[in-house]
PDB file of N, CA and C in Angstrom:
ATOM      1  N   MET A   1    -146.327 -24.554-105.968  1.00  0.00           N
ATOM      2  CA  MET A   1    -146.836 -23.272-105.330  1.00  0.00           C
ATOM      3  C   MET A   1    -147.743 -23.682-104.066  1.00  0.00           C
ATOM      4  N   LEU A   2    -148.748 -24.556-104.323  1.00  0.00           N
ATOM      5  CA  LEU A   2    -149.586 -25.073-103.198  1.00  0.00           C
ATOM      6  C   LEU A   2    -148.675 -25.641-102.084  1.00  0.00           C
ATOM      7  N   LEU A   3    -147.730 -26.269-102.388  1.00  0.00           N
ATOM      8  CA  LEU A   3    -146.925 -26.701-101.207  1.00  0.00           C
ATOM      9  C   LEU A   3    -146.372 -25.511-100.313  1.00  0.00           C
ATOM     10  N   LYS A   4    -145.771 -24.475-101.235  1.00  0.00           N
ATOM     11  CA  LYS A   4    -145.233 -22.896-100.206  1.00  0.00           C
ATOM     12  C   LYS A   4    -146.285 -22.225 -99.551  1.00  0.00           C
ATOM     13  N   LYS A   5    -147.482 -22.541-100.359  1.00  0.00           N
ATOM     14  CA  LYS A   5    -148.566 -21.735 -99.563  1.00  0.00           C
ATOM     15  C   LYS A   5    -149.223 -22.300 -98.458  1.00  0.00           C
ATOM     16  N   GLU A   6    -149.269 -24.129 -98.204  1.00  0.00           N
ATOM     17  CA  GLU A   6    -149.204 -24.530 -97.043  1.00  0.00           C
ATOM     18  C   GLU A   6    -148.180 -24.530 -96.154  1.00  0.00           C
ATOM     19  N   PHE A   7    -146.935 -24.378 -96.671  1.00  0.00           N
ATOM     20  CA  PHE A   7    -145.806 -23.988 -95.792  1.00  0.00           C
ATOM     21  C   PHE A   7    -146.357 -22.869 -94.962  1.00  0.00           C
ATOM     22  N   GLU A   8    -146.184 -21.906 -95.678  1.00  0.00           N
ATOM     23  CA  GLU A   8    -146.139 -20.206 -95.194  1.00  0.00           C
ATOM     24  C   GLU A   8    -147.475 -20.376 -94.080  1.00  0.00           C
ATOM     25  N   GLU A   9    -148.747 -21.111 -94.554  1.00  0.00           N
ATOM     26  CA  GLU A   9    -149.691 -20.973 -93.442  1.00  0.00           C
ATOM     27  C   GLU A   9    -149.209 -21.780 -92.365  1.00  0.00           C
ATOM     28  N   SER A  10    -148.532 -23.053 -92.580  1.00  0.00           N
ATOM     29  CA  SER A  10    -148.067 -23.685 -91.379  1.00  0.00           C
ATOM     30  C   SER A  10    -147.343 -22.775 -90.354  1.00  0.00           C
ATOM     31  N   LEU A  11    -146.459 -22.116 -90.797  1.00  0.00           N
ATOM     32  CA  LEU A  11    -145.325 -21.124 -90.514  1.00  0.00           C
ATOM     33  C   LEU A  11    -145.843 -20.268 -89.580  1.00  0.00           C
ATOM     34  N   ARG A  12    -146.973 -19.719 -90.063  1.00  0.00           N
ATOM     35  CA  ARG A  12    -147.856 -18.713 -89.616  1.00  0.00           C
ATOM     36  C   ARG A  12    -148.517 -19.206 -88.328  1.00  0.00           C
ATOM     37  N   ALA A  13    -149.127 -20.345 -88.719  1.00  0.00           N
ATOM     38  CA  ALA A  13    -149.932 -21.072 -87.196  1.00  0.00           C
ATOM     39  C   ALA A  13    -148.877 -21.342 -86.466  1.00  0.00           C
ATOM     40  N   ALA A  14    -147.690 -21.622 -86.401  1.00  0.00           N
ATOM     41  CA  ALA A  14    -146.657 -21.808 -85.583  1.00  0.00           C
ATOM     42  C   ALA A  14    -146.318 -20.414 -84.705  1.00  0.00           C
ATOM     43  N   SER A  15    -146.117 -19.492 -85.693  1.00  0.00           N
ATOM     44  CA  SER A  15    -145.825 -18.200 -84.971  1.00  0.00           C
ATOM     45  C   SER A  15    -146.829 -17.697 -84.002  1.00  0.00           C
ATOM     46  N   ASP A  16    -147.881 -17.754 -84.440  1.00  0.00           N
ATOM     47  CA  ASP A  16    -149.228 -17.653 -83.746  1.00  0.00           C
ATOM     48  C   ASP A  16    -149.193 -18.538 -82.454  1.00  0.00           C
ATOM     49  N   GLU A  17    -149.111 -19.555 -82.414  1.00  0.00           N
ATOM     50  CA  GLU A  17    -149.174 -20.635 -81.179  1.00  0.00           C
ATOM     51  C   GLU A  17    -147.951 -20.191 -80.386  1.00  0.00           C
ATOM     52  N   LEU A  18    -146.851 -19.767 -80.797  1.00  0.00           N
ATOM     53  CA  LEU A  18    -145.541 -19.285 -80.192  1.00  0.00           C
ATOM     54  C   LEU A  18    -145.945 -18.020 -79.146  1.00  0.00           C
ATOM     55  N   ILE A  19    -146.893 -17.118 -79.819  1.00  0.00           N
ATOM     56  CA  ILE A  19    -147.013 -16.032 -78.958  1.00  0.00           C
ATOM     57  C   ILE A  19    -148.016 -16.492 -78.477  1.00  0.00           C
ATOM     58  N   ARG A  20    -148.944 -17.228 -78.397  1.00  0.00           N
ATOM     59  CA  ARG A  20    -150.110 -17.438 -77.357  1.00  0.00           C
ATOM     60  C   ARG A  20    -149.099 -18.216 -76.235  1.00  0.00           C
ATOM     61  N   VAL A  21    -148.275 -19.131 -76.408  1.00  0.00           N
ATOM     62  CA  VAL A  21    -147.768 -19.735 -75.512  1.00  0.00           C
ATOM     63  C   VAL A  21    -146.777 -18.503 -74.501  1.00  0.00           C
ATOM     64  N   ARG A  22    -146.562 -17.600 -74.905  1.00  0.00           N
ATOM     65  CA  ARG A  22    -145.554 -16.700 -74.322  1.00  0.00           C
ATOM     66  C   ARG A  22    -146.435 -15.555 -73.635  1.00  0.00           C
ATOM     67  N   LEU A  23    -147.404 -15.358 -74.192  1.00  0.00           N
ATOM     68  CA  LEU A  23    -148.777 -14.783 -73.198  1.00  0.00           C
ATOM     69  C   LEU A  23    -149.516 -15.219 -72.506  1.00  0.00           C
ATOM     70  N   ALA A  24    -149.348 -16.684 -72.316  1.00  0.00           N
ATOM     71  CA  ALA A  24    -150.040 -17.282 -71.699  1.00  0.00           C
ATOM     72  C   ALA A  24    -149.884 -16.852 -69.885  1.00  0.00           C
ATOM     73  N   GLY A  25    -148.679 -16.395 -69.587  1.00  0.00           N
ATOM     74  CA  GLY A  25    -148.386 -16.020 -68.420  1.00  0.00           C
ATOM     75  C   GLY A  25    -148.819 -14.383 -68.179  1.00  0.00           C
ATOM     76  N   GLY A  26    -149.391 -13.928 -69.303  1.00  0.00           N
ATOM     77  CA  GLY A  26    -150.167 -12.444 -68.625  1.00  0.00           C
ATOM     78  C   GLY A  26    -149.981 -11.509 -69.837  1.00  0.00           C
ATOM     79  N   ALA A  27    -150.464 -10.672 -70.094  1.00  0.00           N
ATOM     80  CA  ALA A  27    -150.224  -9.689 -71.276  1.00  0.00           C
ATOM     81  C   ALA A  27    -148.761  -9.289 -71.514  1.00  0.00           C
ATOM     82  N   MET A  28    -148.715  -8.669 -72.946  1.00  0.00           N
ATOM     83  CA  MET A  28    -147.288  -8.489 -73.443  1.00  0.00           C
ATOM     84  C   MET A  28    -146.652  -7.608 -72.187  1.00  0.00           C
ATOM     85  N   HIS A  29    -147.254  -6.573 -71.272  1.00  0.00           N
ATOM     86  CA  HIS A  29    -146.728  -5.786 -70.673  1.00  0.00           C
ATOM     87  C   HIS A  29    -145.661  -6.699 -69.474  1.00  0.00           C
ATOM     88  N   THR A  30    -146.570  -7.840 -69.137  1.00  0.00           N
ATOM     89  CA  THR A  30    -145.940  -8.640 -67.984  1.00  0.00           C
ATOM     90  C   THR A  30    -144.899  -9.537 -68.502  1.00  0.00           C
ATOM     91  N   VAL A  31    -145.082  -9.940 -69.691  1.00  0.00           N
ATOM     92  CA  VAL A  31    -143.788 -10.490 -70.238  1.00  0.00           C
ATOM     93  C   VAL A  31    -142.817  -9.789 -70.085  1.00  0.00           C
ATOM     94  N   PHE A  32    -142.909  -8.645 -70.972  1.00  0.00           N
ATOM     95  CA  PHE A  32    -141.737  -7.481 -70.934  1.00  0.00           C
ATOM     96  C   PHE A  32    -141.347  -7.330 -69.235  1.00  0.00           C
ATOM     97  N   ALA A  33    -141.986  -7.175 -68.333  1.00  0.00           N
ATOM     98  CA  ALA A  33    -141.788  -6.943 -66.989  1.00  0.00           C
ATOM     99  C   ALA A  33    -140.799  -7.680 -66.515  1.00  0.00           C
ATOM    100  N   ARG A  34    -141.153  -9.168 -66.733  1.00  0.00           N
ATOM    101  CA  ARG A  34    -140.574 -10.255 -66.293  1.00  0.00           C
ATOM    102  C   ARG A  34    -139.071 -10.466 -67.187  1.00  0.00           C
ATOM    103  N   THR A  35    -138.887 -10.094 -68.131  1.00  0.00           N
ATOM    104  CA  THR A  35    -137.703  -9.838 -69.109  1.00  0.00           C
ATOM    105  C   THR A  35    -136.931  -8.970 -68.587  1.00  0.00           C
ATOM    106  N   ILE A  36    -137.418  -7.581 -68.412  1.00  0.00           N
ATOM    107  CA  ILE A  36    -136.524  -6.607 -67.764  1.00  0.00           C
ATOM    108  C   ILE A  36    -135.939  -7.164 -66.589  1.00  0.00           C
ATOM    109  N   CYS A  37    -136.518  -7.552 -65.384  1.00  0.00           N
ATOM    110  CA  CYS A  37    -136.228  -8.068 -64.191  1.00  0.00           C
ATOM    111  C   CYS A  37    -135.066  -9.139 -64.249  1.00  0.00           C
ATOM    112  N   TYR A  38    -135.406  -9.923 -65.309  1.00  0.00           N
ATOM    113  CA  TYR A  38    -134.196 -10.919 -65.701  1.00  0.00           C
ATOM    114  C   TYR A  38    -132.993 -10.540 -66.298  1.00  0.00           C
ATOM    115  N   LEU A  39    -133.103  -9.382 -67.108  1.00  0.00           N
ATOM    116  CA  LEU A  39    -131.768  -8.851 -67.736  1.00  0.00           C
ATOM    117  C   LEU A  39    -131.064  -7.816 -66.975  1.00  0.00           C
ATOM    118  N   LEU A  40    -131.691  -7.224 -65.881  1.00  0.00           N
ATOM    119  CA  LEU A  40    -131.382  -6.536 -64.594  1.00  0.00           C
ATOM    120  C   LEU A  40    -130.576  -7.460 -64.012  1.00  0.00           C
ATOM    121  N   ARG A  41    -131.146  -8.264 -63.432  1.00  0.00           N
ATOM    122  CA  ARG A  41    -130.047  -9.287 -62.783  1.00  0.00           C
ATOM    123  C   ARG A  41    -128.975 -10.160 -63.322  1.00  0.00           C
ATOM    124  N   ARG A  42    -129.266 -10.327 -64.460  1.00  0.00           N
ATOM    125  CA  ARG A  42    -127.897 -10.740 -64.894  1.00  0.00           C
ATOM    126  C   ARG A  42    -127.044  -9.906 -65.697  1.00  0.00           C
ATOM    127  N   HIS A  43    -127.433  -8.891 -66.155  1.00  0.00           N
ATOM    128  CA  HIS A  43    -126.247  -7.818 -66.851  1.00  0.00           C
ATOM    129  C   HIS A  43    -126.041  -6.451 -65.776  1.00  0.00           C
ATOM    130  N   GLY A  44    -126.824  -6.340 -64.874  1.00  0.00           N
ATOM    131  CA  GLY A  44    -126.988  -5.168 -64.130  1.00  0.00           C
ATOM    132  C   GLY A  44    -127.636  -3.939 -64.764  1.00  0.00           C
ATOM    133  N   PRO A  45    -127.222  -2.479 -64.283  1.00  0.00           N
ATOM    134  CA  PRO A  45    -127.953  -1.673 -64.963  1.00  0.00           C
ATOM    135  C   PRO A  45    -128.101  -1.671 -66.163  1.00  0.00           C
ATOM    136  N   LEU A  46    -128.604  -0.981 -66.819  1.00  0.00           N
ATOM    137  CA  LEU A  46    -128.898  -0.954 -68.341  1.00  0.00           C
ATOM    138  C   LEU A  46    -129.846   0.064 -68.631  1.00  0.00           C
ATOM    139  N   THR A  47    -129.293   0.975 -69.927  1.00  0.00           N
ATOM    140  CA  THR A  47    -130.134   2.093 -70.114  1.00  0.00           C
ATOM    141  C   THR A  47    -131.552   1.558 -71.185  1.00  0.00           C
ATOM    142  N   THR A  48    -132.416   2.013 -71.165  1.00  0.00           N
ATOM    143  CA  THR A  48    -133.427   1.627 -72.025  1.00  0.00           C
ATOM    144  C   THR A  48    -132.895   1.269 -73.641  1.00  0.00           C
ATOM    145  N   GLN A  49    -131.998   2.015 -74.225  1.00  0.00           N
ATOM    146  CA  GLN A  49    -131.391   1.705 -75.288  1.00  0.00           C
ATOM    147  C   GLN A  49    -130.498   0.285 -75.261  1.00  0.00           C
ATOM    148  N   GLU A  50    -130.252   0.059 -74.559  1.00  0.00           N
ATOM    149  CA  GLU A  50    -129.826  -1.269 -74.036  1.00  0.00           C
ATOM    150  C   GLU A  50    -130.376  -2.469 -73.962  1.00  0.00           C
ATOM    151  N   ILE A  51    -131.615  -2.482 -73.198  1.00  0.00           N
ATOM    152  CA  ILE A  51    -132.300  -3.195 -73.001  1.00  0.00           C
ATOM    153  C   ILE A  51    -133.319  -3.864 -73.940  1.00  0.00           C
ATOM    154  N   HIS A  52    -134.021  -2.698 -75.100  1.00  0.00           N
ATOM    155  CA  HIS A  52    -134.264  -2.829 -76.178  1.00  0.00           C
ATOM    156  C   HIS A  52    -133.908  -3.907 -76.991  1.00  0.00           C
ATOM    157  N   PRO A  53    -132.621  -4.184 -77.318  1.00  0.00           N
ATOM    158  CA  PRO A  53    -132.046  -5.230 -78.238  1.00  0.00           C
ATOM    159  C   PRO A  53    -132.069  -6.443 -77.279  1.00  0.00           C
ATOM    160  N   LEU A  54    -131.692  -6.634 -76.269  1.00  0.00           N
ATOM    161  CA  LEU A  54    -131.899  -7.686 -75.435  1.00  0.00           C
ATOM    162  C   LEU A  54    -133.363  -8.547 -75.316  1.00  0.00           C
ATOM    163  N   VAL A  55    -134.201  -7.687 -75.389  1.00  0.00           N
ATOM    164  CA  VAL A  55    -135.735  -7.885 -74.878  1.00  0.00           C
ATOM    165  C   VAL A  55    -135.915  -8.786 -76.468  1.00  0.00           C
ATOM    166  N   ALA A  56    -135.444  -8.168 -77.359  1.00  0.00           N
ATOM    167  CA  ALA A  56    -135.899  -8.707 -78.824  1.00  0.00           C
ATOM    168  C   ALA A  56    -135.204  -9.834 -79.053  1.00  0.00           C
ATOM    169  N   SER A  57    -133.856 -10.245 -78.635  1.00  0.00           N
ATOM    170  CA  SER A  57    -133.076 -11.331 -78.721  1.00  0.00           C
ATOM    171  C   SER A  57    -133.900 -12.479 -77.953  1.00  0.00           C
ATOM    172  N   ILE A  58    -134.473 -12.144 -76.850  1.00  0.00           N
ATOM    173  CA  ILE A  58    -135.363 -12.938 -76.161  1.00  0.00           C
ATOM    174  C   ILE A  58    -136.687 -13.490 -76.780  1.00  0.00           C
ATOM    175  N   HIS A  59    -137.444 -12.153 -77.273  1.00  0.00           N
ATOM    176  CA  HIS A  59    -138.724 -12.508 -77.478  1.00  0.00           C
ATOM    177  C   HIS A  59    -138.683 -11.772 -79.014  1.00  0.00           C
ATOM    178  N   PRO A  60    -138.295 -12.267 -79.918  1.00  0.00           N
ATOM    179  CA  PRO A  60    -138.428 -11.843 -81.180  1.00  0.00           C
ATOM    180  C   PRO A  60    -139.708 -11.935 -82.278  1.00  0.00           C
ATOM    181  N   ASP A  61    -140.759 -12.717 -81.543  1.00  0.00           N
ATOM    182  CA  ASP A  61    -141.863 -12.998 -81.883  1.00  0.00           C
ATOM    183  C   ASP A  61    -142.978 -11.635 -81.305  1.00  0.00           C
ATOM    184  N   LEU A  62    -142.769 -11.003 -80.599  1.00  0.00           N
ATOM    185  CA  LEU A  62    -143.022  -9.953 -79.847  1.00  0.00           C
ATOM    186  C   LEU A  62    -142.633  -8.825 -80.095  1.00  0.00           C
ATOM    187  N   CYS A  63    -141.409  -8.484 -80.892  1.00  0.00           N
ATOM    188  CA  CYS A  63    -140.966  -7.282 -81.032  1.00  0.00           C
ATOM    189  C   CYS A  63    -140.836  -7.080 -82.544  1.00  0.00           C
ATOM    190  N   ASP A  64    -142.096  -7.201 -83.011  1.00  0.00           N
ATOM    191  CA  ASP A  64    -142.378  -6.733 -84.824  1.00  0.00           C
ATOM    192  C   ASP A  64    -141.691  -5.519 -84.907  1.00  0.00           C
ATOM    193  N   ASP A  65    -140.889  -5.269 -85.470  1.00  0.00           N
ATOM    194  CA  ASP A  65    -140.246  -3.386 -86.187  1.00  0.00           C
ATOM    195  C   ASP A  65    -141.285  -3.056 -87.063  1.00  0.00           C
ATOM    196  N   SER A  66    -142.178  -3.937 -87.939  1.00  0.00           N
ATOM    197  CA  SER A  66    -142.804  -3.623 -88.717  1.00  0.00           C
ATOM    198  C   SER A  66    -144.193  -2.654 -88.453  1.00  0.00           C
ATOM    199  N   VAL A  67    -144.343  -2.729 -86.917  1.00  0.00           N
ATOM    200  CA  VAL A  67    -145.425  -2.030 -86.433  1.00  0.00           C
ATOM    201  C   VAL A  67    -145.284  -1.011 -85.749  1.00  0.00           C
ATOM    202  N   ASP A  68    -145.771   0.070 -86.328  1.00  0.00           N
ATOM    203  CA  ASP A  68    -145.499   1.521 -85.655  1.00  0.00           C
ATOM    204  C   ASP A  68    -146.575   1.849 -84.564  1.00  0.00           C
ATOM    205  N   ARG A  69    -146.373   2.744 -83.679  1.00  0.00           N
ATOM    206  CA  ARG A  69    -147.477   3.148 -82.879  1.00  0.00           C
ATOM    207  C   ARG A  69    -148.039   4.368 -83.537  1.00  0.00           C
ATOM    208  N   VAL A  70    -149.171   4.415 -84.021  1.00  0.00           N
ATOM    209  CA  VAL A  70    -149.675   5.685 -84.819  1.00  0.00           C
ATOM    210  C   VAL A  70    -150.885   6.247 -83.939  1.00  0.00           C
ATOM    211  N   ILE A  71    -150.668   7.782 -83.623  1.00  0.00           N
ATOM    212  CA  ILE A  71    -151.927   8.111 -82.868  1.00  0.00           C
ATOM    213  C   ILE A  71    -152.093   9.433 -83.829  1.00  0.00           C
ATOM    214  N   ASP A  72    -153.652   9.577 -84.089  1.00  0.00           N
ATOM    215  CA  ASP A  72    -154.194  10.629 -84.775  1.00  0.00           C
ATOM    216  C   ASP A  72    -152.905  11.013 -86.341  1.00  0.00           C
ATOM    217  N   GLY A  73    -152.599   9.762 -86.819  1.00  0.00           N
ATOM    218  CA  GLY A  73    -151.997  10.182 -88.071  1.00  0.00           C
ATOM    219  C   GLY A  73    -150.264   9.955 -87.699  1.00  0.00           C
ATOM    220  N   LYS A  74    -150.022  10.270 -86.524  1.00  0.00           N
ATOM    221  CA  LYS A  74    -148.388  10.583 -86.312  1.00  0.00           C
ATOM    222  C   LYS A  74    -147.786   9.135 -85.715  1.00  0.00           C
ATOM    223  N   ARG A  75    -146.770   9.011 -86.287  1.00  0.00           N
ATOM    224  CA  ARG A  75    -146.053   7.660 -85.755  1.00  0.00           C
ATOM    225  C   ARG A  75    -145.060   8.248 -84.503  1.00  0.00           C
ATOM    226  N   PHE A  76    -145.126   7.340 -83.406  1.00  0.00           N
ATOM    227  CA  PHE A  76    -144.310   7.501 -82.348  1.00  0.00           C
ATOM    228  C   PHE A  76    -143.298   6.319 -82.085  1.00  0.00           C
ATOM    229  N   GLY A  77    -142.905   5.741 -83.108  1.00  0.00           N
ATOM    230  CA  GLY A  77    -141.877   4.571 -82.787  1.00  0.00           C
ATOM    231  C   GLY A  77    -142.382   3.140 -82.808  1.00  0.00           C
ATOM    232  N   LYS A  78    -141.797   2.394 -82.786  1.00  0.00           N
ATOM    233  CA  LYS A  78    -142.203   0.980 -82.705  1.00  0.00           C
ATOM    234  C   LYS A  78    -143.170   0.488 -81.684  1.00  0.00           C
ATOM    235  N   LYS A  79    -144.124  -0.168 -81.687  1.00  0.00           N
ATOM    236  CA  LYS A  79    -145.172  -0.478 -80.685  1.00  0.00           C
ATOM    237  C   LYS A  79    -144.742  -1.177 -79.414  1.00  0.00           C
ATOM    238  N   TRP A  80    -143.860  -2.413 -79.952  1.00  0.00           N
ATOM    239  CA  TRP A  80    -143.374  -3.229 -78.734  1.00  0.00           C
ATOM    240  C   TRP A  80    -142.311  -2.397 -77.970  1.00  0.00           C
ATOM    241  N   LYS A  81    -141.823  -1.380 -78.418  1.00  0.00           N
ATOM    242  CA  LYS A  81    -140.675  -0.450 -77.738  1.00  0.00           C
ATOM    243  C   LYS A  81    -141.621   0.333 -76.443  1.00  0.00           C
ATOM    244  N   HIS A  82    -142.873   0.469 -76.954  1.00  0.00           N
ATOM    245  CA  HIS A  82    -143.683   1.462 -76.209  1.00  0.00           C
ATOM    246  C   HIS A  82    -144.084   0.574 -75.009  1.00  0.00           C
ATOM    247  N   ALA A  83    -144.264  -0.586 -75.625  1.00  0.00           N
ATOM    248  CA  ALA A  83    -144.653  -1.690 -74.680  1.00  0.00           C
ATOM    249  C   ALA A  83    -143.523  -2.065 -73.501  1.00  0.00           C
ATOM    250  N   VAL A  84    -142.344  -2.170 -73.871  1.00  0.00           N
ATOM    251  CA  VAL A  84    -141.072  -2.216 -72.875  1.00  0.00           C
ATOM    252  C   VAL A  84    -141.074  -0.879 -72.118  1.00  0.00           C
ATOM    253  N   ARG A  85    -141.564   0.425 -72.418  1.00  0.00           N
ATOM    254  CA  ARG A  85    -141.311   1.059 -71.667  1.00  0.00           C
ATOM    255  C   ARG A  85    -142.335   1.245 -70.684  1.00  0.00           C
ATOM    256  N   THR A  86    -143.667   0.718 -71.152  1.00  0.00           N
ATOM    257  CA  THR A  86    -144.559   0.931 -70.194  1.00  0.00           C
ATOM    258  C   THR A  86    -144.381  -0.404 -69.257  1.00  0.00           C
ATOM    259  N   ALA A  87    -143.688  -1.284 -69.418  1.00  0.00           N
ATOM    260  CA  ALA A  87    -143.297  -2.055 -68.467  1.00  0.00           C
ATOM    261  C   ALA A  87    -142.362  -1.298 -67.371  1.00  0.00           C
ATOM    262  N   GLN A  88    -141.597  -0.641 -67.980  1.00  0.00           N
ATOM    263  CA  GLN A  88    -140.244  -0.083 -67.095  1.00  0.00           C
ATOM    264  C   GLN A  88    -141.002   0.692 -66.220  1.00  0.00           C
ATOM    265  N   GLN A  89    -141.927   1.640 -66.624  1.00  0.00           N
ATOM    266  CA  GLN A  89    -142.632   2.630 -65.774  1.00  0.00           C
ATOM    267  C   GLN A  89    -143.475   1.548 -64.976  1.00  0.00           C
ATOM    268  N   GLN A  90    -144.127   0.553 -64.883  1.00  0.00           N
ATOM    269  CA  GLN A  90    -144.769  -0.047 -64.163  1.00  0.00           C
ATOM    270  C   GLN A  90    -143.823  -0.703 -63.248  1.00  0.00           C
ATOM    271  N   LEU A  91    -142.763  -1.099 -63.515  1.00  0.00           N
ATOM    272  CA  LEU A  91    -142.015  -1.823 -62.262  1.00  0.00           C
ATOM    273  C   LEU A  91    -141.529  -0.669 -61.238  1.00  0.00           C
ATOM    274  N   LYS A  92    -141.185   0.527 -62.028  1.00  0.00           N
ATOM    275  CA  LYS A  92    -140.768   1.448 -61.076  1.00  0.00           C
ATOM    276  C   LYS A  92    -141.871   2.077 -60.180  1.00  0.00           C
ATOM    277  N   LYS A  93    -142.836   2.030 -60.582  1.00  0.00           N
ATOM    278  CA  LYS A  93    -144.310   2.319 -59.646  1.00  0.00           C
ATOM    279  C   LYS A  93    -144.319   1.261 -58.455  1.00  0.00           C
ATOM    280  N   LYS A  94    -143.950   0.328 -58.864  1.00  0.00           N
ATOM    281  CA  LYS A  94    -144.033  -0.921 -57.836  1.00  0.00           C
ATOM    282  C   LYS A  94    -143.051  -1.011 -56.919  1.00  0.00           C
ATOM    283  N   GLY A  95    -141.925   0.016 -57.223  1.00  0.00           N
ATOM    284  CA  GLY A  95    -140.769  -0.291 -56.599  1.00  0.00           C
ATOM    285  C   GLY A  95    -139.485  -1.311 -56.776  1.00  0.00           C
ATOM    286  N   ILE A  96    -139.929  -2.332 -58.019  1.00  0.00           N
ATOM    287  CA  ILE A  96    -139.359  -3.364 -58.407  1.00  0.00           C
ATOM    288  C   ILE A  96    -138.001  -2.569 -58.909  1.00  0.00           C
ATOM    289  N   VAL A  97    -137.957  -1.618 -59.810  1.00  0.00           N
ATOM    290  CA  VAL A  97    -136.672  -0.937 -60.302  1.00  0.00           C
ATOM    291  C   VAL A  97    -136.736   0.545 -60.036  1.00  0.00           C
ATOM    292  N   GLU A  98    -135.377   0.684 -60.053  1.00  0.00           N
ATOM    293  CA  GLU A  98    -135.234   2.283 -60.416  1.00  0.00           C
ATOM    294  C   GLU A  98    -134.386   2.806 -61.498  1.00  0.00           C
ATOM    295  N   TYR A  99    -134.876   4.125 -61.479  1.00  0.00           N
ATOM    296  CA  TYR A  99    -134.012   4.657 -62.672  1.00  0.00           C
ATOM    297  C   TYR A  99    -133.651   6.122 -62.166  1.00  0.00           C
ATOM    298  N   ASP A 100    -132.327   6.078 -62.332  1.00  0.00           N
ATOM    299  CA  ASP A 100    -131.359   7.319 -62.037  1.00  0.00           C
ATOM    300  C   ASP A 100    -131.118   8.288 -62.910  1.00  0.00           C
ATOM    301  N   GLY A 101    -132.038   8.319 -63.976  1.00  0.00           N
ATOM    302  CA  GLY A 101    -131.934   9.243 -65.435  1.00  0.00           C
ATOM    303  C   GLY A 101    -131.243   8.745 -66.380  1.00  0.00           C
ATOM    304  N   GLU A 102    -130.666   7.886 -66.181  1.00  0.00           N
ATOM    305  CA  GLU A 102    -129.636   7.371 -67.396  1.00  0.00           C
ATOM    306  C   GLU A 102    -129.763   5.837 -67.381  1.00  0.00           C
ATOM    307  N   VAL A 103    -129.757   5.185 -66.352  1.00  0.00           N
ATOM    308  CA  VAL A 103    -129.686   3.487 -66.397  1.00  0.00           C
ATOM    309  C   VAL A 103    -130.981   2.862 -65.386  1.00  0.00           C
ATOM    310  N   TRP A 104    -131.649   2.075 -65.812  1.00  0.00           N
ATOM    311  CA  TRP A 104    -132.363   1.092 -64.916  1.00  0.00           C
ATOM    312  C   TRP A 104    -131.896   0.211 -64.209  1.00  0.00           C
ATOM    313  N   MET A 105    -132.100  -0.202 -63.132  1.00  0.00           N
ATOM    314  CA  MET A 105    -131.897  -1.128 -62.204  1.00  0.00           C
ATOM    315  C   MET A 105    -132.777  -1.513 -61.249  1.00  0.00           C
ATOM    316  N   LEU A 106    -132.438  -2.866 -60.877  1.00  0.00           N
ATOM    317  CA  LEU A 106    -133.252  -3.248 -59.617  1.00  0.00           C
ATOM    318  C   LEU A 106    -133.179  -2.653 -58.430  1.00  0.00           C
ATOM    319  N   ALA A 107    -134.384  -2.288 -57.858  1.00  0.00           N
ATOM    320  CA  ALA A 107    -134.226  -1.773 -56.598  1.00  0.00           C
ATOM    321  C   ALA A 107    -133.515  -2.375 -55.561  1.00  0.00           C
ATOM    322  N   LYS A 108    -132.952  -2.023 -54.696  1.00  0.00           N
ATOM    323  CA  LYS A 108    -132.081  -2.737 -53.667  1.00  0.00           C
ATOM    324  C   LYS A 108    -132.384  -3.881 -52.817  1.00  0.00           C
ATOM    325  N   ASP A 109    -133.755  -3.764 -52.520  1.00  0.00           N
ATOM    326  CA  ASP A 109    -134.697  -5.036 -52.007  1.00  0.00           C
ATOM    327  C   ASP A 109    -134.714  -5.831 -52.835  1.00  0.00           C
ATOM    328  N   GLN A 110    -134.494  -5.764 -54.026  1.00  0.00           N
ATOM    329  CA  GLN A 110    -135.144  -6.692 -55.108  1.00  0.00           C
ATOM    330  C   GLN A 110    -133.749  -7.509 -55.403  1.00  0.00           C
ATOM    331  N   MET A 111    -132.577  -7.194 -54.941  1.00  0.00           N
ATOM    332  CA  MET A 111    -131.231  -7.932 -55.316  1.00  0.00           C
ATOM    333  C   MET A 111    -130.844  -8.974 -54.436  1.00  0.00           C
ATOM    334  N   VAL A 112    -131.721  -8.880 -52.912  1.00  0.00           N
ATOM    335  CA  VAL A 112    -131.212 -10.084 -52.355  1.00  0.00           C
ATOM    336  C   VAL A 112    -132.021 -10.900 -52.529  1.00  0.00           C
ATOM    337  N   GLY A 113    -131.217 -12.146 -52.488  1.00  0.00           N
ATOM    338  CA  GLY A 113    -131.788 -13.483 -53.066  1.00  0.00           C
ATOM    339  C   GLY A 113    -132.176 -13.701 -54.044  1.00  0.00           C
ATOM    340  N   THR A 114    -131.892 -12.962 -55.190  1.00  0.00           N
ATOM    341  CA  THR A 114    -132.455 -13.203 -56.600  1.00  0.00           C
ATOM    342  C   THR A 114    -131.613 -14.541 -57.327  1.00  0.00           C
ATOM    343  N   SER A 115    -132.538 -15.202 -58.021  1.00  0.00           N
ATOM    344  CA  SER A 115    -131.758 -15.833 -58.900  1.00  0.00           C
ATOM    345  C   SER A 115    -131.995 -15.359 -60.302  1.00  0.00           C
ATOM    346  N   LEU A 116    -131.160 -16.265 -61.541  1.00  0.00           N
ATOM    347  CA  LEU A 116    -131.343 -15.956 -62.682  1.00  0.00           C
ATOM    348  C   LEU A 116    -132.439 -16.742 -63.476  1.00  0.00           C
ATOM    349  N   GLN A 117    -133.571 -16.546 -63.046  1.00  0.00           N
ATOM    350  CA  GLN A 117    -134.777 -17.301 -63.622  1.00  0.00           C
ATOM    351  C   GLN A 117    -134.945 -16.584 -65.039  1.00  0.00           C
ATOM    352  N   GLU A 118    -135.061 -17.699 -65.890  1.00  0.00           N
ATOM    353  CA  GLU A 118    -135.544 -17.228 -67.457  1.00  0.00           C
ATOM    354  C   GLU A 118    -136.942 -16.352 -67.388  1.00  0.00           C
ATOM    355  N   PRO A 119    -137.091 -15.480 -68.067  1.00  0.00           N
ATOM    356  CA  PRO A 119    -138.419 -14.924 -68.198  1.00  0.00           C
ATOM    357  C   PRO A 119    -139.606 -15.798 -68.771  1.00  0.00           C
TER     358      PRO A 119
END
């Protein structure tokens, strides 16, 4: 039992450290924004529903499906998905991405000279 408890504590500490390292580049929205740009460069235009599992595959530690966004006792979906949508809106406001009502895509001036740099 003691060995199992120590293992679980070590695993939790490692997970916390991984999250710290991922967020060292900025807030979670910043991490998601860089990831969205990477995904759009790699895959081309994507719907939000297509973006979510791709983001989760890159950042499983930040995409915790057990945490809902709750306001005044009402559930509004997964908290990390709201963070992805916030990142999309920030990128759109900055003119980095565009949304045509169906898919997200890099703005035309963002596609020139881009590389497939990992998020």
